[in-house]
Protein backbone atom coordinates (compact mmCIF):
# COMPACT_ATOMS: atom_id res chain seq x y z
CA UNK A 1 82.60 154.48 160.83
CA UNK A 2 85.61 156.43 161.29
CA UNK A 3 86.00 158.47 164.89
CA UNK A 4 88.97 160.82 164.01
CA UNK A 5 88.40 162.09 160.34
CA UNK A 6 88.55 166.03 160.62
CA UNK A 7 85.91 168.01 160.90
CA UNK A 8 85.14 171.12 158.50
CA UNK A 9 84.17 174.81 159.18
CA UNK A 10 80.76 174.74 158.32
CA UNK A 11 80.45 171.18 160.37
CA UNK A 12 77.88 171.10 163.75
CA UNK A 13 78.14 170.04 166.43
CA UNK A 14 75.59 167.88 168.52
CA UNK A 15 75.65 168.51 172.47
CA UNK A 16 73.89 166.82 174.89
CA UNK A 17 72.35 168.74 177.81
CA UNK A 18 71.42 172.52 177.64
CA UNK A 19 73.27 173.91 180.66
CA UNK A 20 75.89 176.09 181.20
CA UNK A 21 78.38 173.81 179.87
CA UNK A 22 76.93 172.43 176.72
CA UNK A 23 75.90 176.85 175.84
CA UNK A 24 79.49 177.79 176.77
CA UNK A 25 80.66 174.92 174.11
CA UNK A 26 78.43 176.09 171.33
CA UNK A 27 79.34 180.34 171.94
CA UNK A 28 83.29 178.59 171.84
CA UNK A 29 82.43 177.10 168.61
CA UNK A 30 80.85 179.35 166.21
CA UNK A 31 84.13 182.06 165.73
CA UNK A 32 85.50 179.19 164.62
CA UNK A 33 82.61 179.14 161.68
CA UNK A 34 81.15 175.47 163.37
CA UNK A 35 77.08 175.39 164.62
CA UNK A 36 76.02 173.66 167.67
CA UNK A 37 72.78 171.71 167.81
CA UNK A 38 71.42 171.64 171.87
CA UNK A 39 69.67 167.68 172.36
CA UNK A 40 68.13 168.42 176.08
CA UNK A 41 65.02 167.32 177.80
CA UNK A 42 64.58 170.83 179.28
CA UNK A 43 62.39 173.49 177.61
CA UNK A 44 63.93 176.32 179.09
CA UNK A 45 67.22 174.93 178.43
CA UNK A 46 69.94 177.99 178.26
CA UNK A 47 71.88 176.88 175.32
CA UNK A 48 69.45 177.22 173.58
CA UNK A 49 69.82 180.67 173.17
CA UNK A 50 72.69 180.18 171.79
CA UNK A 51 72.53 176.89 169.39
CA UNK A 52 71.79 177.52 165.50
CA UNK A 53 69.34 174.42 166.35
CA UNK A 54 68.28 172.51 169.17
CA UNK A 55 65.98 169.12 170.08
CA UNK A 56 64.01 169.24 173.27
CA UNK A 57 63.31 165.31 174.27
CA UNK A 58 64.10 163.42 176.42
CA UNK A 59 67.22 161.52 176.28
CA UNK A 60 65.49 157.94 175.71
CA UNK A 61 63.65 158.92 172.69
CA UNK A 62 64.81 156.53 169.88
CA UNK A 63 62.59 159.16 167.06
CA UNK A 64 64.23 162.39 168.23
CA UNK A 65 67.34 161.43 168.11
CA UNK A 66 67.45 159.87 164.88
CA UNK A 67 66.76 162.95 163.62
CA UNK A 68 69.23 164.66 165.40
CA UNK A 69 72.08 162.21 164.76
CA UNK A 70 71.25 162.57 161.37
CA UNK A 71 71.53 166.90 162.02
CA UNK A 72 74.64 166.61 163.36
CA UNK A 73 78.54 165.67 162.38
CA UNK A 74 79.41 164.63 165.73
CA UNK A 75 78.40 164.33 169.16
CA UNK A 76 79.20 165.45 172.61
CA UNK A 77 78.30 165.67 176.06
CA UNK A 78 77.98 168.37 178.98
CA UNK A 79 77.36 166.18 181.95
CA UNK A 80 78.36 163.30 182.74
CA UNK A 81 74.96 161.44 183.54
CA UNK A 82 73.73 161.88 180.30
CA UNK A 83 72.56 157.80 179.78
CA UNK A 84 75.03 155.64 178.23
CA UNK A 85 72.49 153.82 176.01
CA UNK A 86 71.54 157.48 174.62
CA UNK A 87 75.09 157.31 173.09
CA UNK A 88 75.59 153.81 172.66
CA UNK A 89 72.45 154.44 170.20
CA UNK A 90 74.14 157.37 168.67
CA UNK A 91 77.51 155.95 168.24
CA UNK A 92 76.33 153.45 165.58
CA UNK A 93 74.89 156.75 163.39
CA UNK A 94 77.54 159.49 164.25
CA UNK A 95 81.26 160.19 165.71
CA UNK A 96 80.75 160.62 169.36
CA UNK A 97 83.33 162.29 171.38
CA UNK A 98 84.15 161.05 174.39
CA UNK A 99 83.37 157.56 173.65
CA UNK A 100 80.77 155.76 175.64
CA UNK A 101 83.25 154.30 177.60
CA UNK A 102 84.45 156.98 179.36
CA UNK A 103 81.21 157.98 180.09
CA UNK A 104 80.46 154.40 181.82
CA UNK A 105 83.08 154.59 183.53
CA UNK A 106 83.05 157.70 185.14
CA UNK A 107 78.75 157.56 186.06
CA UNK A 108 79.93 155.38 188.51
CA UNK A 109 82.33 155.59 191.57
CA UNK A 110 83.33 152.60 192.27
CA UNK A 111 84.13 152.14 188.64
CA UNK A 112 85.89 154.87 188.03
CA UNK A 113 87.92 154.87 191.68
CA UNK A 114 88.69 151.12 190.26
CA UNK A 115 89.99 151.91 187.00
CA UNK A 116 92.55 154.84 188.54
CA UNK A 117 93.42 152.82 191.42
CA UNK A 118 94.37 149.81 188.26
CA UNK A 119 96.36 152.11 186.77
CA UNK A 120 99.05 152.45 189.92
CA UNK A 121 97.87 156.04 190.47
CA UNK A 122 97.14 157.04 194.25
CA UNK A 123 93.63 156.97 195.73
CA UNK A 124 92.15 157.88 199.17
CA UNK A 125 90.83 153.60 200.60
CA UNK A 126 88.41 152.79 198.76
CA UNK A 127 85.72 149.94 199.23
CA UNK A 128 82.38 148.57 197.56
CA UNK A 129 79.10 148.78 200.15
CA UNK A 130 75.72 147.20 198.95
CA UNK A 131 74.20 147.03 202.13
CA UNK A 132 74.50 148.04 205.59
CA UNK A 133 76.71 144.69 206.99
CA UNK A 134 78.77 145.78 203.62
CA UNK A 135 79.25 149.08 204.83
CA UNK A 136 79.58 147.77 208.75
CA UNK A 137 82.74 146.14 207.32
CA UNK A 138 83.85 148.89 205.67
CA UNK A 139 83.96 151.08 208.53
CA UNK A 140 85.94 148.53 210.34
CA UNK A 141 88.19 147.98 207.87
CA UNK A 142 88.72 151.37 206.70
CA UNK A 143 88.07 153.75 210.19
CA UNK A 144 86.84 157.17 210.28
CA UNK A 145 86.08 159.68 209.22
CA UNK A 146 84.80 157.96 205.94
CA UNK A 147 82.28 159.44 203.32
CA UNK A 148 79.78 157.71 201.99
CA UNK A 149 78.91 158.38 198.75
CA UNK A 150 76.31 156.98 196.33
CA UNK A 151 77.92 155.24 193.34
CA UNK A 152 75.71 157.14 190.49
CA UNK A 153 74.27 160.62 190.18
CA UNK A 154 75.67 162.20 192.96
CA UNK A 155 77.56 165.63 191.89
CA UNK A 156 77.75 169.24 193.87
CA UNK A 157 78.33 166.80 197.29
CA UNK A 158 74.38 165.20 196.73
CA UNK A 159 74.54 161.72 197.80
CA UNK A 160 77.31 161.26 200.20
CA UNK A 161 77.43 161.84 204.10
CA UNK A 162 80.44 162.26 206.31
CA UNK A 163 80.28 159.53 208.56
CA UNK A 164 82.48 160.65 211.77
CA UNK A 165 83.78 158.60 214.69
CA UNK A 166 80.75 156.87 216.85
CA UNK A 167 78.38 157.82 213.81
CA UNK A 168 75.90 155.22 213.49
CA UNK A 169 76.10 153.04 210.33
CA UNK A 170 72.35 152.27 209.89
CA UNK A 171 72.21 155.75 209.62
CA UNK A 172 74.51 157.37 207.38
CA UNK A 173 72.89 154.39 205.19
CA UNK A 174 69.75 155.65 205.51
CA UNK A 175 70.49 159.44 204.80
CA UNK A 176 72.02 158.17 201.04
CA UNK A 177 69.04 156.22 200.82
CA UNK A 178 70.02 152.67 200.98
CA UNK A 179 71.54 152.99 196.98
CA UNK A 180 74.34 151.17 196.40
CA UNK A 181 77.08 152.66 197.54
CA UNK A 182 81.34 153.40 198.15
CA UNK A 183 82.67 153.79 201.27
CA UNK A 184 85.95 156.72 200.52
CA UNK A 185 88.64 157.04 203.79
CA UNK A 186 88.45 160.62 204.63
CA UNK A 187 91.47 162.07 202.97
CA UNK A 188 93.75 164.20 204.85
CA UNK A 189 94.55 167.21 202.36
CA UNK A 190 95.55 170.51 201.96
CA UNK A 191 93.98 171.70 199.36
CA UNK A 192 91.69 170.22 196.09
CA UNK A 193 92.86 170.84 193.31
CA UNK A 194 91.97 169.38 189.88
CA UNK A 195 93.84 169.65 186.13
CA UNK A 196 91.73 170.09 182.75
CA UNK A 197 93.67 168.99 180.26
CA UNK A 198 92.06 167.76 176.22
CA UNK A 199 93.50 165.01 173.87
CA UNK A 200 92.26 164.05 170.63
CA UNK A 201 92.29 160.82 169.11
CA UNK A 202 95.28 160.51 167.46
CA UNK A 203 96.54 160.96 171.22
CA UNK A 204 98.24 164.58 171.58
CA UNK A 205 97.20 166.24 174.41
CA UNK A 206 97.55 169.69 176.28
CA UNK A 207 96.84 170.53 180.51
CA UNK A 208 96.75 173.72 181.53
CA UNK A 209 97.56 174.39 185.37
CA UNK A 210 97.23 173.20 188.34
CA UNK A 211 94.26 175.30 189.44
CA UNK A 212 93.36 175.61 192.83
CA UNK A 213 89.86 174.68 194.36
CA UNK A 214 88.14 176.36 197.06
CA UNK A 215 84.17 175.08 197.61
CA UNK A 216 81.80 175.65 200.20
CA UNK A 217 78.64 173.99 201.08
CA UNK A 218 80.30 171.15 198.59
CA UNK A 219 79.48 173.43 195.46
CA UNK A 220 82.67 175.03 194.00
CA UNK A 221 83.21 178.62 195.21
CA UNK A 222 87.12 179.93 193.81
CA UNK A 223 89.36 178.95 191.81
CA UNK A 224 92.76 179.87 191.26
CA UNK A 225 95.58 179.92 189.05
CA UNK A 226 98.37 179.20 189.47
CA UNK A 227 98.45 176.83 192.39
CA UNK A 228 99.76 176.51 196.03
CA UNK A 229 101.75 173.37 194.12
CA UNK A 230 105.61 172.38 194.17
CA UNK A 231 107.10 172.30 190.88
CA UNK A 232 106.89 168.23 191.37
CA UNK A 233 103.53 168.05 192.00
CA UNK A 234 102.32 170.17 189.30
CA UNK A 235 104.23 167.67 186.98
CA UNK A 236 102.66 164.93 189.04
CA UNK A 237 99.44 166.02 188.16
CA UNK A 238 99.66 166.64 185.07
CA UNK A 239 101.25 163.18 183.89
CA UNK A 240 98.23 162.00 186.36
CA UNK A 241 95.96 163.48 183.70
CA UNK A 242 98.27 161.94 180.57
CA UNK A 243 98.14 158.78 181.56
CA UNK A 244 94.24 158.71 182.02
CA UNK A 245 93.57 160.38 179.26
CA UNK A 246 95.07 157.37 177.58
CA UNK A 247 93.79 154.46 179.14
CA UNK A 248 90.40 156.20 178.38
CA UNK A 249 91.41 156.91 174.86
CA UNK A 250 89.54 160.05 176.08
CA UNK A 251 88.75 162.69 173.01
CA UNK A 252 88.09 166.23 174.54
CA UNK A 253 88.86 167.87 177.81
CA UNK A 254 88.34 166.38 180.86
CA UNK A 255 89.21 167.62 184.30
CA UNK A 256 90.66 165.68 186.70
CA UNK A 257 89.49 166.71 190.68
CA UNK A 258 92.76 166.13 193.13
CA UNK A 259 94.01 166.01 196.25
CA UNK A 260 96.99 167.57 197.89
CA UNK A 261 98.42 166.17 200.24
CA UNK A 262 101.82 166.95 202.48
CA UNK A 263 104.17 169.69 202.59
CA UNK A 264 107.48 170.04 200.16
CA UNK A 265 109.37 166.86 199.40
CA UNK A 266 106.02 164.76 201.02
CA UNK A 267 103.95 166.73 198.83
CA UNK A 268 101.85 163.75 197.03
CA UNK A 269 99.05 164.48 195.14
CA UNK A 270 95.40 162.10 195.73
CA UNK A 271 93.21 161.65 192.84
CA UNK A 272 89.53 161.85 193.98
CA UNK A 273 87.16 162.01 190.98
CA UNK A 274 87.51 162.25 186.86
CA UNK A 275 85.22 165.15 185.06
CA UNK A 276 84.50 163.45 181.39
CA UNK A 277 84.03 166.87 180.03
CA UNK A 278 84.57 170.46 180.00
CA UNK A 279 84.51 171.41 184.11
CA UNK A 280 83.73 174.34 186.44
CA UNK A 281 87.44 174.41 187.56
CA UNK A 282 88.48 175.54 184.59
CA UNK A 283 85.91 178.51 183.52
CA UNK A 284 88.60 180.67 184.61
CA UNK A 285 90.52 179.97 180.93
CA UNK A 286 87.81 181.88 179.20
CA UNK A 287 89.54 185.26 179.88
CA UNK A 288 92.70 183.81 181.87
CA UNK A 289 94.08 181.26 179.17
CA UNK A 290 95.28 182.01 175.50
CA UNK A 291 92.67 179.11 174.91
CA UNK A 292 89.94 178.36 176.54
CA UNK A 293 88.92 175.09 178.00
CA UNK A 294 85.48 175.17 175.13
CA UNK A 295 87.38 175.88 172.36
CA UNK A 296 89.55 173.47 173.32
CA UNK A 297 87.30 170.88 173.67
CA UNK A 298 85.59 172.13 170.66
CA UNK A 299 89.28 171.76 168.83
CA UNK A 300 90.11 168.38 170.15
CA UNK A 301 86.32 166.55 169.18
CA UNK A 302 86.81 168.53 165.57
CA UNK A 303 90.19 166.80 165.39
CA UNK A 304 91.85 170.39 164.94
CA UNK A 305 95.11 171.22 166.25
CA UNK A 306 94.88 172.02 170.30
CA UNK A 307 95.66 175.38 170.97
CA UNK A 308 98.41 177.10 173.56
CA UNK A 309 96.71 176.26 177.47
CA UNK A 310 99.62 179.19 178.49
CA UNK A 311 97.97 181.83 180.83
CA UNK A 312 97.67 185.31 180.89
CA UNK A 313 98.40 185.84 184.64
CA UNK A 314 97.26 185.26 187.66
CA UNK A 315 94.03 184.20 187.21
CA UNK A 316 90.37 184.02 189.83
CA UNK A 317 87.22 182.71 189.09
CA UNK A 318 84.54 182.93 191.31
CA UNK A 319 80.87 181.32 190.55
CA UNK A 320 77.82 183.08 191.12
CA UNK A 321 75.65 180.79 193.63
CA UNK A 322 72.09 181.59 193.56
CA UNK A 323 70.74 185.48 194.31
CA UNK A 324 74.39 186.64 193.86
CA UNK A 325 74.15 186.87 190.08
CA UNK A 326 71.63 190.38 191.22
CA UNK A 327 74.99 192.09 192.09
CA UNK A 328 76.43 191.64 188.68
CA UNK A 329 76.35 196.07 187.88
CA UNK A 330 79.13 196.12 191.07
CA UNK A 331 80.73 193.00 189.52
CA UNK A 332 81.68 195.03 186.58
CA UNK A 333 82.89 198.16 188.51
CA UNK A 334 85.57 196.07 190.08
CA UNK A 335 88.88 197.08 186.69
CA UNK A 336 89.85 193.72 184.92
CA UNK A 337 86.87 192.33 185.74
CA UNK A 338 84.88 189.82 183.06
CA UNK A 339 80.91 188.59 184.10
CA UNK A 340 79.41 185.39 182.31
CA UNK A 341 75.87 184.89 183.07
CA UNK A 342 73.96 182.02 182.17
CA UNK A 343 70.75 182.94 181.07
CA UNK A 344 69.10 180.58 182.91
CA UNK A 345 65.64 182.29 184.18
CA UNK A 346 65.23 181.34 187.86
CA UNK A 347 67.93 181.51 190.95
CA UNK A 348 67.28 179.14 193.65
CA UNK A 349 69.27 178.58 196.30
CA UNK A 350 72.39 175.84 195.15
CA UNK A 351 72.17 177.11 191.95
CA UNK A 352 75.02 178.01 189.52
CA UNK A 353 74.06 181.25 187.70
CA UNK A 354 76.93 182.74 186.63
CA UNK A 355 80.52 183.08 187.42
CA UNK A 356 83.38 185.90 187.09
CA UNK A 357 86.75 186.06 186.93
CA UNK A 358 89.81 188.51 186.81
CA UNK A 359 93.44 188.74 185.67
CA UNK A 360 95.35 189.88 187.92
CA UNK A 361 98.76 191.23 187.48
CA UNK A 362 102.51 188.20 188.10
């Protein structure tokens, strides 16, 4: 089956996952004349509200997946923990973008770090950890402080623990449930940034400007553009994204999370993680760029021309976490505020309920 075919208006995009990212992809598809069909196991998925169709079923429900594949023209996903077996099953029947290789590599931190390092791109020092003895050996080599992370299913700080000088290795291993892990040396970074980029099946590529990110309690709090990086750092970050996208044969939007190390001519860019999907740090593009990351993703997987990535001023995006979304009316009083609420029924601590952006003069 050819995966380079161009979709036409009236086609249906199938999206695995029903959260806010799927919701915003579906909203971006509608003005382009494309429909969205959401597949998710959670009955109160916020993306269901804005899609032309939805299927509520488990990701291993083969019959439901077959019906879903027959109803859509291309499949994508909103989060990287979709089972690879699900994507492989669908790929036998319908194009899946990005492909299963990108999904498999980015689901496993050790595989991902090894992939990036194999491209000659800088990462934190890292080592495989399957046992307490391997952790102790890795700490002897890498030193402390270091971060111990589960190799799978970690996000927003989940599944990881910081090991400081003098900390007990056994306690750290127990803190992550003694799961297969990776130990990463601590990078003395000045700031955290990211690049959101898009690639089409024919290799066409477009990257947004580097975004500077501020985290609180391991959750992205605010993103600002432009980032405080040198022109050389900006160019290096975008080149890293291009090399990663090409090496994966990637189709769609993805993000590369990065550390900025050093100042001025000594500034270096170090890769932290790859996200094979539209990304929280790219939400500023909804209001602050010529083409949003969500429309860009739709264009890329549909085989359409990629849109312009130029920003419309200095842009600031702030996440609304938990009950912060209750201040929606005060946010709308802010001049130039753009509010995006995700339609989630319950505001729990640490849960992303929405975001808002401001476009400021240069």
